[in-house]
Each structure stands twice: as C-alpha cells, then as structure tokens.
Amino acid sequence: MSQTIPFSCHYFPSREFRAGARELRRQPDGLSGERPYTLFTLKPLGPIIGAEIEGVNLAEPLEPDVKAELQRAFLEWKVLFFRNQPITSEQQLAFAREWGQLEKHPFLPKGSADEITRFEKDATMTGNENVWHTDVTWRLEPALGSVLRLSEVPPLGGDTLWADMGAAYDNLPEEIRQRIDGLSAIHDFTPSFGRFMTPEVLAAKQEEFPAAEHPVVRTHPETGRKTLFVNAAFTVRIVGLEEEESEQLLGCLFRQAHVPEYQVRFRWEPHSIALWDNRATQHYAASDYFPNRRVAERVSIAGGRPY
C-alpha cells in the first residue's frame, strides 16, 4: 500500500526566490571546528565546505600524526584540495588507501590499474559528469570518498563544484524535514550508465548490480550529521509514494544542491588533487572546455551501508 504524505512544492517553486541568510554550519552541533591545524597550512575556500592544504607531500607516505590531522580536516571541510602534487598513479593509489580499501568502477574506463578510473575528455569524448550527483549510490555500499588527480587541464573551464548536503538538509523547512526523515529511495545505474548498453549487457549488469534502497536522509557515520542523500543521476523514486508525488518531492530535493551558499568551486591546475567525502557531498564537473582536453584519474574508497 502506498504511503500518502501530503506535499506541496510551494516551498521550492520553479522560480525560487529566497533572499536572506541561510543556516550555514561546517559541522554538527557538538563538534568544534576551531582547533588549529599545526602540521600543515589550511586555507578555507568558503565558510562551510572546501579547503586547500599546503605543506603535505602526497608523494610520500603520511606520518600518523599528519594523517590524523588530515582526517579531522576531511570531516570538517568535506573536500580537501592539494596543488603542485606531481605524483604518479601508484602514489595516488597509496594516498587513497590511507582512507580505506579501494573499489573498482564497473562501467567507466580504467587507467593503469583496475582501481583507477580514467577520464580523458576532448571534442570527440565529451564530459557527462555535468549533473549534480553522489558517486555510485546505486551500490548497496556507496563509496566513502574519492581522490581525483588532473594531469591535463584546459586553459579555461573544466572546474568542479561540490555541495554540502548537510547544509542542504539543515535549510529545508522543518515540515519537509519531518516528512522525509524515515523515508527511503531507490538508486539505480540504469538511467545513466544503462543507456550506453545493449539490452543483453544491461540485463546482465542489472542482475550483478541490483537497484539499492537507501535512506533519503542519511546519518554520517563519523560526525553523526544528517545529510540529504538523493541525487539526480541515480535516485529514481521514493519508496511508498505514488509516482507523481515521488517525482515532485525528488525534484524539489534535487534542487537543493544548486544553492550557491552550500557550494565550493575549484579551478584546476596541472597536478592538482581533490579528496572528497562522498557521504556528505554532491559534485558537478562543468563541461565547458571543449574542444580543449581535460585528463583526470579517479580512485574511489569503498564505503558502508547508509543508515
């Protein structure tokens, strides 16, 4: 039996105009972000998300105290950026392993190792990542995070944006937060990757990677913060709602990643590195650099079941 939850989209009209301050917290209540970082320099790129790290050499193994301080910065800022890091693919893999086991992507082109996804984009191979999304939420256990390294950067364009989905949740009207807490949604690779497959391959992959059900609002396993956990690339419907209501509610929730106050935008340079928390963010790769080339390699860190 479908669950009936009266919902009005007037909170998020298609021509939304909401002036005034938003509630912007880097961390949930009870976690202090005021402790200084003493083993490297941290330069915030915005008030709540994104910071550049200077003074850490990613070509070398991390000392335990440096790793611990980077972990604290990772949870506080959600996305960490490192410039001037001419590291190899093997060193990128080693850095990613500092955060856990690595996973392979079954659909995207591989680089020099199975755990490396290579994005080599030019005028003949256009970018398809210009939609707000969280990586591999169609997995039963979506990725914890990713390490992205750019080796070739266009002269203009090709930026990546990240959105803090904890801030997105915080700023929903209380009535909407109450309505979506406890709901779950279905995540499926079919609308995105499936459109490039033959029917036979698609059927086999759907059996190997069945659609996953995750909470609409997940709790971050390390900070305890509630974050909005639906995305336009992979979330297809909310369990228990009629199709029209599900589409309307998802459309409203998807648009929360579009709010600039929740975002950071990073201008890539050659040998720049980004490490992001897939449990707390969405991201969007601007596809505005053609016919120039953009070459990147990504390594993803295996995660756990959202709750």
C-alpha atoms as a PDB file:
ATOM      1  CA  MET A   1       0.000   0.000   0.000  1.00  0.00           C
ATOM      2  CA  SER A   2       1.408   3.412  -0.913  1.00  0.00           C
ATOM      3  CA  GLN A   3       2.133   5.875   1.828  1.00  0.00           C
ATOM      4  CA  THR A   4       0.315   9.152   1.471  1.00  0.00           C
ATOM      5  CA  ILE A   5       2.296  12.179   2.574  1.00  0.00           C
ATOM      6  CA  PRO A   6       0.672  15.459   1.589  1.00  0.00           C
ATOM      7  CA  PHE A   7       3.310  17.567  -0.063  1.00  0.00           C
ATOM      8  CA  SER A   8       3.272  20.983  -1.588  1.00  0.00           C
ATOM      9  CA  CYS A   9       6.096  22.207  -3.810  1.00  0.00           C
ATOM     10  CA  HIS A  10       5.335  25.822  -2.977  1.00  0.00           C
ATOM     11  CA  TYR A  11       8.330  25.673  -0.625  1.00  0.00           C
ATOM     12  CA  PHE A  12      10.537  25.226  -3.701  1.00  0.00           C
ATOM     13  CA  PRO A  13       8.776  26.904  -6.635  1.00  0.00           C
ATOM     14  CA  SER A  14      10.368  26.541 -10.061  1.00  0.00           C
ATOM     15  CA  ARG A  15      11.323  30.209  -9.931  1.00  0.00           C
ATOM     16  CA  GLU A  16      12.566  30.054  -6.384  1.00  0.00           C
ATOM     17  CA  PHE A  17      13.499  33.351  -4.791  1.00  0.00           C
ATOM     18  CA  ARG A  18      14.571  33.231  -1.203  1.00  0.00           C
ATOM     19  CA  ALA A  19      16.524  36.233  -0.007  1.00  0.00           C
ATOM     20  CA  GLY A  20      18.233  36.419   3.353  1.00  0.00           C
ATOM     21  CA  ALA A  21      20.739  34.480   5.385  1.00  0.00           C
ATOM     22  CA  ARG A  22      20.866  30.697   5.467  1.00  0.00           C
ATOM     23  CA  GLU A  23      21.931  28.499   8.359  1.00  0.00           C
ATOM     24  CA  LEU A  24      25.498  27.541   7.490  1.00  0.00           C
ATOM     25  CA  ARG A  25      27.337  25.132   9.777  1.00  0.00           C
ATOM     26  CA  ARG A  26      30.540  23.349   8.838  1.00  0.00           C
ATOM     27  CA  GLN A  27      29.905  20.645  11.412  1.00  0.00           C
ATOM     28  CA  PRO A  28      27.007  19.415  13.541  1.00  0.00           C
ATOM     29  CA  ASP A  29      26.495  20.845  16.988  1.00  0.00           C
ATOM     30  CA  GLY A  30      28.945  19.440  19.493  1.00  0.00           C
ATOM     31  CA  LEU A  31      31.901  19.194  17.117  1.00  0.00           C
ATOM     32  CA  SER A  32      34.336  22.068  17.330  1.00  0.00           C
ATOM     33  CA  GLY A  33      35.943  23.400  14.190  1.00  0.00           C
ATOM     34  CA  GLU A  34      38.044  25.952  15.974  1.00  0.00           C
ATOM     35  CA  ARG A  35      41.064  23.782  16.818  1.00  0.00           C
ATOM     36  CA  PRO A  36      44.039  24.947  14.740  1.00  0.00           C
ATOM     37  CA  TYR A  37      45.876  22.736  12.293  1.00  0.00           C
ATOM     38  CA  THR A  38      49.544  22.663  13.250  1.00  0.00           C
ATOM     39  CA  LEU A  39      51.159  20.184  10.818  1.00  0.00           C
ATOM     40  CA  PHE A  40      50.143  21.923   7.597  1.00  0.00           C
ATOM     41  CA  THR A  41      48.503  25.125   6.396  1.00  0.00           C
ATOM     42  CA  LEU A  42      44.762  25.003   5.773  1.00  0.00           C
ATOM     43  CA  LYS A  43      43.209  27.733   3.599  1.00  0.00           C
ATOM     44  CA  PRO A  44      39.389  27.704   3.524  1.00  0.00           C
ATOM     45  CA  LEU A  45      37.822  28.332   0.119  1.00  0.00           C
ATOM     46  CA  GLY A  46      34.423  29.059   1.636  1.00  0.00           C
ATOM     47  CA  PRO A  47      32.727  29.267   5.020  1.00  0.00           C
ATOM     48  CA  ILE A  48      31.483  25.671   5.240  1.00  0.00           C
ATOM     49  CA  ILE A  49      32.979  23.467   2.511  1.00  0.00           C
ATOM     50  CA  GLY A  50      36.318  23.158   0.747  1.00  0.00           C
ATOM     51  CA  ALA A  51      39.850  23.947   1.904  1.00  0.00           C
ATOM     52  CA  GLU A  52      43.305  23.904   0.330  1.00  0.00           C
ATOM     53  CA  ILE A  53      46.083  22.082   2.152  1.00  0.00           C
ATOM     54  CA  GLU A  54      49.671  23.306   1.883  1.00  0.00           C
ATOM     55  CA  GLY A  55      52.753  21.641   3.334  1.00  0.00           C
ATOM     56  CA  VAL A  56      51.903  17.978   2.732  1.00  0.00           C
ATOM     57  CA  ASN A  57      53.798  15.954   0.113  1.00  0.00           C
ATOM     58  CA  LEU A  58      51.464  13.302  -1.297  1.00  0.00           C
ATOM     59  CA  ALA A  59      54.377  11.505  -2.969  1.00  0.00           C
ATOM     60  CA  GLU A  60      55.459  10.273   0.475  1.00  0.00           C
ATOM     61  CA  PRO A  61      53.601   8.051   2.975  1.00  0.00           C
ATOM     62  CA  LEU A  62      51.712  10.104   5.542  1.00  0.00           C
ATOM     63  CA  GLU A  63      53.068  10.214   9.070  1.00  0.00           C
ATOM     64  CA  PRO A  64      50.407   9.031  11.560  1.00  0.00           C
ATOM     65  CA  ASP A  65      50.011  12.456  13.187  1.00  0.00           C
ATOM     66  CA  VAL A  66      49.676  14.149   9.774  1.00  0.00           C
ATOM     67  CA  LYS A  67      47.092  11.568   8.703  1.00  0.00           C
ATOM     68  CA  ALA A  68      45.111  12.152  11.893  1.00  0.00           C
ATOM     69  CA  GLU A  69      45.069  15.916  11.332  1.00  0.00           C
ATOM     70  CA  LEU A  70      44.113  15.474   7.670  1.00  0.00           C
ATOM     71  CA  GLN A  71      41.272  13.192   8.749  1.00  0.00           C
ATOM     72  CA  ARG A  72      39.974  15.906  11.052  1.00  0.00           C
ATOM     73  CA  ALA A  73      40.160  18.440   8.211  1.00  0.00           C
ATOM     74  CA  PHE A  74      38.448  15.975   5.866  1.00  0.00           C
ATOM     75  CA  LEU A  75      35.463  15.625   8.187  1.00  0.00           C
ATOM     76  CA  GLU A  76      35.302  19.351   8.890  1.00  0.00           C
ATOM     77  CA  TRP A  77      35.645  20.669   5.313  1.00  0.00           C
ATOM     78  CA  LYS A  78      34.301  17.698   3.296  1.00  0.00           C
ATOM     79  CA  VAL A  79      36.609  18.450   0.321  1.00  0.00           C
ATOM     80  CA  LEU A  80      40.382  18.923   0.564  1.00  0.00           C
ATOM     81  CA  PHE A  81      42.493  20.295  -2.294  1.00  0.00           C
ATOM     82  CA  PHE A  82      46.216  19.866  -2.847  1.00  0.00           C
ATOM     83  CA  ARG A  83      48.092  21.810  -5.538  1.00  0.00           C
ATOM     84  CA  ASN A  84      51.518  21.213  -7.089  1.00  0.00           C
ATOM     85  CA  GLN A  85      51.483  17.467  -6.466  1.00  0.00           C
ATOM     86  CA  PRO A  86      53.191  15.797  -9.489  1.00  0.00           C
ATOM     87  CA  ILE A  87      52.530  12.301  -8.202  1.00  0.00           C
ATOM     88  CA  THR A  88      52.260   9.034 -10.107  1.00  0.00           C
ATOM     89  CA  SER A  89      49.194   6.824 -10.369  1.00  0.00           C
ATOM     90  CA  GLU A  90      50.786   4.439  -7.874  1.00  0.00           C
ATOM     91  CA  GLN A  91      51.297   7.269  -5.375  1.00  0.00           C
ATOM     92  CA  GLN A  92      47.695   8.364  -5.884  1.00  0.00           C
ATOM     93  CA  LEU A  93      46.567   4.827  -5.065  1.00  0.00           C
ATOM     94  CA  ALA A  94      48.740   4.782  -1.947  1.00  0.00           C
ATOM     95  CA  PHE A  95      47.285   8.106  -0.768  1.00  0.00           C
ATOM     96  CA  ALA A  96      43.719   6.890  -1.317  1.00  0.00           C
ATOM     97  CA  ARG A  97      44.445   3.703   0.664  1.00  0.00           C
ATOM     98  CA  GLU A  98      45.119   5.897   3.705  1.00  0.00           C
ATOM     99  CA  TRP A  99      41.313   6.212   3.915  1.00  0.00           C
ATOM    100  CA  GLY A 100      40.377   2.590   3.379  1.00  0.00           C
ATOM    101  CA  GLN A 101      40.052  -0.182   0.854  1.00  0.00           C
ATOM    102  CA  LEU A 102      39.699   0.806  -2.779  1.00  0.00           C
ATOM    103  CA  GLU A 103      36.935  -0.206  -5.162  1.00  0.00           C
ATOM    104  CA  LYS A 104      36.702  -0.680  -8.927  1.00  0.00           C
ATOM    105  CA  HIS A 105      34.127   1.052 -11.118  1.00  0.00           C
ATOM    106  CA  PRO A 106      32.409  -1.497 -13.358  1.00  0.00           C
ATOM    107  CA  PHE A 107      31.277   0.895 -16.099  1.00  0.00           C
ATOM    108  CA  LEU A 108      33.910   3.599 -16.597  1.00  0.00           C
ATOM    109  CA  PRO A 109      37.244   3.364 -18.497  1.00  0.00           C
ATOM    110  CA  LYS A 110      40.145   2.037 -16.445  1.00  0.00           C
ATOM    111  CA  GLY A 111      43.569   3.617 -16.119  1.00  0.00           C
ATOM    112  CA  SER A 112      46.867   1.930 -15.367  1.00  0.00           C
ATOM    113  CA  ALA A 113      45.320  -0.118 -12.528  1.00  0.00           C
ATOM    114  CA  ASP A 114      41.899  -1.699 -12.007  1.00  0.00           C
ATOM    115  CA  GLU A 115      41.123   0.734  -9.175  1.00  0.00           C
ATOM    116  CA  ILE A 116      41.816   3.794 -11.349  1.00  0.00           C
ATOM    117  CA  THR A 117      39.086   5.364 -13.461  1.00  0.00           C
ATOM    118  CA  ARG A 118      40.435   7.498 -16.303  1.00  0.00           C
ATOM    119  CA  PHE A 119      38.505  10.448 -17.725  1.00  0.00           C
ATOM    120  CA  GLU A 120      40.086  11.592 -20.972  1.00  0.00           C
ATOM    121  CA  LYS A 121      37.803  14.247 -22.424  1.00  0.00           C
ATOM    122  CA  ASP A 122      38.160  16.178 -25.669  1.00  0.00           C
ATOM    123  CA  ALA A 123      35.954  17.303 -28.552  1.00  0.00           C
ATOM    124  CA  THR A 124      35.184  13.699 -29.525  1.00  0.00           C
ATOM    125  CA  MET A 125      34.637  12.368 -25.986  1.00  0.00           C
ATOM    126  CA  THR A 126      32.513  14.941 -24.221  1.00  0.00           C
ATOM    127  CA  GLY A 127      32.015  15.154 -20.480  1.00  0.00           C
ATOM    128  CA  ASN A 128      28.893  13.573 -18.997  1.00  0.00           C
ATOM    129  CA  GLU A 129      29.506  14.454 -15.352  1.00  0.00           C
ATOM    130  CA  ASN A 130      27.777  17.844 -15.533  1.00  0.00           C
ATOM    131  CA  VAL A 131      24.856  16.822 -13.364  1.00  0.00           C
ATOM    132  CA  TRP A 132      24.800  17.079  -9.574  1.00  0.00           C
ATOM    133  CA  HIS A 133      25.443  13.625  -8.159  1.00  0.00           C
ATOM    134  CA  THR A 134      26.981  11.500  -5.435  1.00  0.00           C
ATOM    135  CA  ASP A 135      29.175   8.701  -6.776  1.00  0.00           C
ATOM    136  CA  VAL A 136      27.874   5.139  -7.120  1.00  0.00           C
ATOM    137  CA  THR A 137      24.845   5.478  -4.865  1.00  0.00           C
ATOM    138  CA  TRP A 138      23.416   2.577  -6.897  1.00  0.00           C
ATOM    139  CA  ARG A 139      25.770   0.324  -4.937  1.00  0.00           C
ATOM    140  CA  LEU A 140      24.462  -1.300  -1.770  1.00  0.00           C
ATOM    141  CA  GLU A 141      27.527   0.240  -0.097  1.00  0.00           C
ATOM    142  CA  PRO A 142      28.310   3.544  -1.865  1.00  0.00           C
ATOM    143  CA  ALA A 143      31.850   4.910  -1.880  1.00  0.00           C
ATOM    144  CA  LEU A 144      33.227   6.631   1.222  1.00  0.00           C
ATOM    145  CA  GLY A 145      35.102   9.145  -0.910  1.00  0.00           C
ATOM    146  CA  SER A 146      37.352   9.698  -3.897  1.00  0.00           C
ATOM    147  CA  VAL A 147      40.751  11.076  -4.855  1.00  0.00           C
ATOM    148  CA  LEU A 148      40.796  12.896  -8.212  1.00  0.00           C
ATOM    149  CA  ARG A 149      44.019  13.956  -9.949  1.00  0.00           C
ATOM    150  CA  LEU A 150      44.196  16.125 -13.074  1.00  0.00           C
ATOM    151  CA  SER A 151      47.226  15.701 -15.317  1.00  0.00           C
ATOM    152  CA  GLU A 152      45.968  17.823 -18.218  1.00  0.00           C
ATOM    153  CA  VAL A 153      43.873  20.940 -17.648  1.00  0.00           C
ATOM    154  CA  PRO A 154      42.111  23.135 -20.224  1.00  0.00           C
ATOM    155  CA  PRO A 155      43.198  26.796 -20.350  1.00  0.00           C
ATOM    156  CA  LEU A 156      39.698  27.842 -19.316  1.00  0.00           C
ATOM    157  CA  GLY A 157      36.771  25.915 -17.887  1.00  0.00           C
ATOM    158  CA  GLY A 158      36.617  22.393 -16.529  1.00  0.00           C
ATOM    159  CA  ASP A 159      36.044  23.448 -12.915  1.00  0.00           C
ATOM    160  CA  THR A 160      34.438  21.065 -10.425  1.00  0.00           C
ATOM    161  CA  LEU A 161      31.852  22.141  -7.846  1.00  0.00           C
ATOM    162  CA  TRP A 162      30.918  20.397  -4.611  1.00  0.00           C
ATOM    163  CA  ALA A 163      27.804  20.976  -2.469  1.00  0.00           C
ATOM    164  CA  ASP A 164      27.488  20.367   1.265  1.00  0.00           C
ATOM    165  CA  MET A 165      24.409  18.174   1.644  1.00  0.00           C
ATOM    166  CA  GLY A 166      24.385  18.634   5.408  1.00  0.00           C
ATOM    167  CA  ALA A 167      23.759  22.341   4.841  1.00  0.00           C
ATOM    168  CA  ALA A 168      21.150  21.427   2.225  1.00  0.00           C
ATOM    169  CA  TYR A 169      19.298  19.331   4.794  1.00  0.00           C
ATOM    170  CA  ASP A 170      19.636  21.949   7.555  1.00  0.00           C
ATOM    171  CA  ASN A 171      17.957  24.583   5.406  1.00  0.00           C
ATOM    172  CA  LEU A 172      14.923  22.584   4.376  1.00  0.00           C
ATOM    173  CA  PRO A 173      11.718  23.826   6.017  1.00  0.00           C
ATOM    174  CA  GLU A 174      11.022  21.948   9.223  1.00  0.00           C
ATOM    175  CA  GLU A 175       7.830  20.489   7.769  1.00  0.00           C
ATOM    176  CA  ILE A 176       9.774  18.976   4.877  1.00  0.00           C
ATOM    177  CA  ARG A 177      12.487  17.597   7.166  1.00  0.00           C
ATOM    178  CA  GLN A 178       9.806  15.868   9.221  1.00  0.00           C
ATOM    179  CA  ARG A 179       8.209  14.408   6.106  1.00  0.00           C
ATOM    180  CA  ILE A 180      11.380  12.957   4.595  1.00  0.00           C
ATOM    181  CA  ASP A 181      13.016  11.641   7.776  1.00  0.00           C
ATOM    182  CA  GLY A 182      12.446   7.906   7.739  1.00  0.00           C
ATOM    183  CA  LEU A 183      11.700   7.668   4.010  1.00  0.00           C
ATOM    184  CA  SER A 184      13.888   5.629   1.669  1.00  0.00           C
ATOM    185  CA  ALA A 185      14.596   5.874  -2.051  1.00  0.00           C
ATOM    186  CA  ILE A 186      15.686   3.571  -4.858  1.00  0.00           C
ATOM    187  CA  HIS A 187      19.032   4.221  -6.575  1.00  0.00           C
ATOM    188  CA  ASP A 188      19.727   2.651  -9.960  1.00  0.00           C
ATOM    189  CA  PHE A 189      22.533   2.941 -12.541  1.00  0.00           C
ATOM    190  CA  THR A 190      20.155   2.194 -15.438  1.00  0.00           C
ATOM    191  CA  PRO A 191      19.073   5.769 -16.371  1.00  0.00           C
ATOM    192  CA  SER A 192      22.715   6.890 -16.567  1.00  0.00           C
ATOM    193  CA  PHE A 193      25.155   4.105 -17.492  1.00  0.00           C
ATOM    194  CA  GLY A 194      22.465   1.775 -18.750  1.00  0.00           C
ATOM    195  CA  ARG A 195      21.640   3.918 -21.770  1.00  0.00           C
ATOM    196  CA  PHE A 196      25.030   3.051 -23.301  1.00  0.00           C
ATOM    197  CA  MET A 197      24.490  -0.744 -23.019  1.00  0.00           C
ATOM    198  CA  THR A 198      22.895  -3.301 -25.281  1.00  0.00           C
ATOM    199  CA  PRO A 199      19.776  -4.957 -23.832  1.00  0.00           C
ATOM    200  CA  GLU A 200      21.737  -8.156 -23.168  1.00  0.00           C
ATOM    201  CA  VAL A 201      24.570  -6.382 -21.344  1.00  0.00           C
ATOM    202  CA  LEU A 202      22.103  -4.221 -19.413  1.00  0.00           C
ATOM    203  CA  ALA A 203      20.178  -7.256 -18.174  1.00  0.00           C
ATOM    204  CA  ALA A 204      23.386  -8.916 -17.004  1.00  0.00           C
ATOM    205  CA  LYS A 205      24.601  -5.783 -15.221  1.00  0.00           C
ATOM    206  CA  GLN A 206      21.220  -5.229 -13.556  1.00  0.00           C
ATOM    207  CA  GLU A 207      21.457  -8.740 -12.147  1.00  0.00           C
ATOM    208  CA  GLU A 208      25.016  -8.087 -10.951  1.00  0.00           C
ATOM    209  CA  PHE A 209      24.187  -4.630  -9.541  1.00  0.00           C
ATOM    210  CA  PRO A 210      20.518  -4.614  -8.498  1.00  0.00           C
ATOM    211  CA  ALA A 211      18.899  -1.324  -7.539  1.00  0.00           C
ATOM    212  CA  ALA A 212      19.728  -0.254  -3.991  1.00  0.00           C
ATOM    213  CA  GLU A 213      17.415   1.211  -1.354  1.00  0.00           C
ATOM    214  CA  HIS A 214      18.918   3.954   0.826  1.00  0.00           C
ATOM    215  CA  PRO A 215      17.503   6.465   3.319  1.00  0.00           C
ATOM    216  CA  VAL A 216      16.534   9.831   1.856  1.00  0.00           C
ATOM    217  CA  VAL A 217      18.319  11.366   4.851  1.00  0.00           C
ATOM    218  CA  ARG A 218      21.430   9.514   5.952  1.00  0.00           C
ATOM    219  CA  THR A 219      23.430   9.931   9.145  1.00  0.00           C
ATOM    220  CA  HIS A 220      27.146  10.463   8.627  1.00  0.00           C
ATOM    221  CA  PRO A 221      28.858   7.524  10.357  1.00  0.00           C
ATOM    222  CA  GLU A 222      31.716   9.623  11.766  1.00  0.00           C
ATOM    223  CA  THR A 223      30.205  13.033  12.516  1.00  0.00           C
ATOM    224  CA  GLY A 224      26.613  11.999  13.213  1.00  0.00           C
ATOM    225  CA  ARG A 225      25.344  14.765  10.930  1.00  0.00           C
ATOM    226  CA  LYS A 226      22.155  14.299   8.919  1.00  0.00           C
ATOM    227  CA  THR A 227      22.667  14.807   5.192  1.00  0.00           C
ATOM    228  CA  LEU A 228      20.315  14.788   2.215  1.00  0.00           C
ATOM    229  CA  PHE A 229      21.101  11.593   0.289  1.00  0.00           C
ATOM    230  CA  VAL A 230      19.280  11.711  -3.049  1.00  0.00           C
ATOM    231  CA  ASN A 231      20.759  12.798  -6.373  1.00  0.00           C
ATOM    232  CA  ALA A 232      19.503  13.440  -9.885  1.00  0.00           C
ATOM    233  CA  ALA A 233      21.852  10.976 -11.585  1.00  0.00           C
ATOM    234  CA  PHE A 234      20.924   7.798  -9.710  1.00  0.00           C
ATOM    235  CA  THR A 235      17.859   8.261  -7.452  1.00  0.00           C
ATOM    236  CA  VAL A 236      14.777   7.110  -9.349  1.00  0.00           C
ATOM    237  CA  ARG A 237      11.889   7.045  -6.851  1.00  0.00           C
ATOM    238  CA  ILE A 238      10.903   7.307  -3.203  1.00  0.00           C
ATOM    239  CA  VAL A 239       9.602   4.074  -1.720  1.00  0.00           C
ATOM    240  CA  GLY A 240       5.931   4.091  -0.732  1.00  0.00           C
ATOM    241  CA  LEU A 241       4.883   7.209  -2.647  1.00  0.00           C
ATOM    242  CA  GLU A 242       2.777   7.437  -5.766  1.00  0.00           C
ATOM    243  CA  GLU A 243       4.846   8.195  -8.865  1.00  0.00           C
ATOM    244  CA  GLU A 244       3.679  11.788  -9.254  1.00  0.00           C
ATOM    245  CA  GLU A 245       4.303  12.643  -5.617  1.00  0.00           C
ATOM    246  CA  SER A 246       7.687  10.928  -5.667  1.00  0.00           C
ATOM    247  CA  GLU A 247       8.754  12.859  -8.774  1.00  0.00           C
ATOM    248  CA  GLN A 248       7.618  16.159  -7.288  1.00  0.00           C
ATOM    249  CA  LEU A 249       9.362  15.592  -3.980  1.00  0.00           C
ATOM    250  CA  LEU A 250      12.578  14.336  -5.567  1.00  0.00           C
ATOM    251  CA  GLY A 251      12.674  17.293  -7.935  1.00  0.00           C
ATOM    252  CA  CYS A 252      12.457  19.675  -5.013  1.00  0.00           C
ATOM    253  CA  LEU A 253      15.169  17.820  -3.082  1.00  0.00           C
ATOM    254  CA  PHE A 254      17.489  17.568  -6.099  1.00  0.00           C
ATOM    255  CA  ARG A 255      17.438  21.351  -6.480  1.00  0.00           C
ATOM    256  CA  GLN A 256      18.959  21.884  -3.043  1.00  0.00           C
ATOM    257  CA  ALA A 257      22.438  21.095  -4.392  1.00  0.00           C
ATOM    258  CA  HIS A 258      22.073  24.093  -6.735  1.00  0.00           C
ATOM    259  CA  VAL A 259      22.177  26.683  -3.925  1.00  0.00           C
ATOM    260  CA  PRO A 260      25.490  28.633  -4.148  1.00  0.00           C
ATOM    261  CA  GLU A 261      25.748  29.128  -0.390  1.00  0.00           C
ATOM    262  CA  TYR A 262      26.226  25.370   0.022  1.00  0.00           C
ATOM    263  CA  GLN A 263      28.923  25.104  -2.672  1.00  0.00           C
ATOM    264  CA  VAL A 264      32.631  25.433  -3.334  1.00  0.00           C
ATOM    265  CA  ARG A 265      34.080  25.746  -6.857  1.00  0.00           C
ATOM    266  CA  PHE A 266      37.616  24.592  -7.630  1.00  0.00           C
ATOM    267  CA  ARG A 267      39.724  25.851 -10.534  1.00  0.00           C
ATOM    268  CA  TRP A 268      42.047  23.037 -11.522  1.00  0.00           C
ATOM    269  CA  GLU A 269      45.728  23.421 -12.299  1.00  0.00           C
ATOM    270  CA  PRO A 270      48.035  20.664 -13.563  1.00  0.00           C
ATOM    271  CA  HIS A 271      48.906  18.245 -10.726  1.00  0.00           C
ATOM    272  CA  SER A 272      46.025  19.358  -8.528  1.00  0.00           C
ATOM    273  CA  ILE A 273      44.409  16.746  -6.271  1.00  0.00           C
ATOM    274  CA  ALA A 274      40.961  16.680  -4.660  1.00  0.00           C
ATOM    275  CA  LEU A 275      39.879  14.360  -1.841  1.00  0.00           C
ATOM    276  CA  TRP A 276      36.170  14.461  -1.037  1.00  0.00           C
ATOM    277  CA  ASP A 277      33.708  12.860   1.354  1.00  0.00           C
ATOM    278  CA  ASN A 278      31.086  11.085  -0.748  1.00  0.00           C
ATOM    279  CA  ARG A 279      28.888  10.651   2.340  1.00  0.00           C
ATOM    280  CA  ALA A 280      28.468  14.403   2.834  1.00  0.00           C
ATOM    281  CA  THR A 281      28.612  15.981  -0.627  1.00  0.00           C
ATOM    282  CA  GLN A 282      27.439  16.048  -4.202  1.00  0.00           C
ATOM    283  CA  HIS A 283      29.620  17.265  -7.065  1.00  0.00           C
ATOM    284  CA  TYR A 284      29.315  18.616 -10.601  1.00  0.00           C
ATOM    285  CA  ALA A 285      32.017  18.724 -13.296  1.00  0.00           C
ATOM    286  CA  ALA A 286      31.474  21.728 -15.562  1.00  0.00           C
ATOM    287  CA  SER A 287      31.552  20.650 -19.212  1.00  0.00           C
ATOM    288  CA  ASP A 288      32.562  23.988 -20.746  1.00  0.00           C
ATOM    289  CA  TYR A 289      36.077  23.409 -22.064  1.00  0.00           C
ATOM    290  CA  PHE A 290      35.651  21.811 -25.496  1.00  0.00           C
ATOM    291  CA  PRO A 291      37.459  21.477 -27.862  1.00  0.00           C
ATOM    292  CA  ASN A 292      40.265  21.524 -25.272  1.00  0.00           C
ATOM    293  CA  ARG A 293      41.356  18.396 -23.424  1.00  0.00           C
ATOM    294  CA  ARG A 294      40.857  17.516 -19.782  1.00  0.00           C
ATOM    295  CA  VAL A 295      42.525  14.377 -18.433  1.00  0.00           C
ATOM    296  CA  ALA A 296      41.823  13.074 -14.934  1.00  0.00           C
ATOM    297  CA  GLU A 297      42.245   9.895 -12.924  1.00  0.00           C
ATOM    298  CA  ARG A 298      39.981   8.997 -10.029  1.00  0.00           C
ATOM    299  CA  VAL A 299      40.405   6.463  -7.249  1.00  0.00           C
ATOM    300  CA  SER A 300      37.395   5.610  -5.091  1.00  0.00           C
ATOM    301  CA  ILE A 301      37.434   4.432  -1.473  1.00  0.00           C
ATOM    302  CA  ALA A 302      34.967   1.727  -0.514  1.00  0.00           C
ATOM    303  CA  GLY A 303      32.221   2.732   1.903  1.00  0.00           C
ATOM    304  CA  GLY A 304      29.492   1.197   4.047  1.00  0.00           C
ATOM    305  CA  ARG A 305      25.723   0.806   4.008  1.00  0.00           C
ATOM    306  CA  PRO A 306      23.990   4.186   4.597  1.00  0.00           C
ATOM    307  CA  TYR A 307      21.717   4.405   7.621  1.00  0.00           C
END
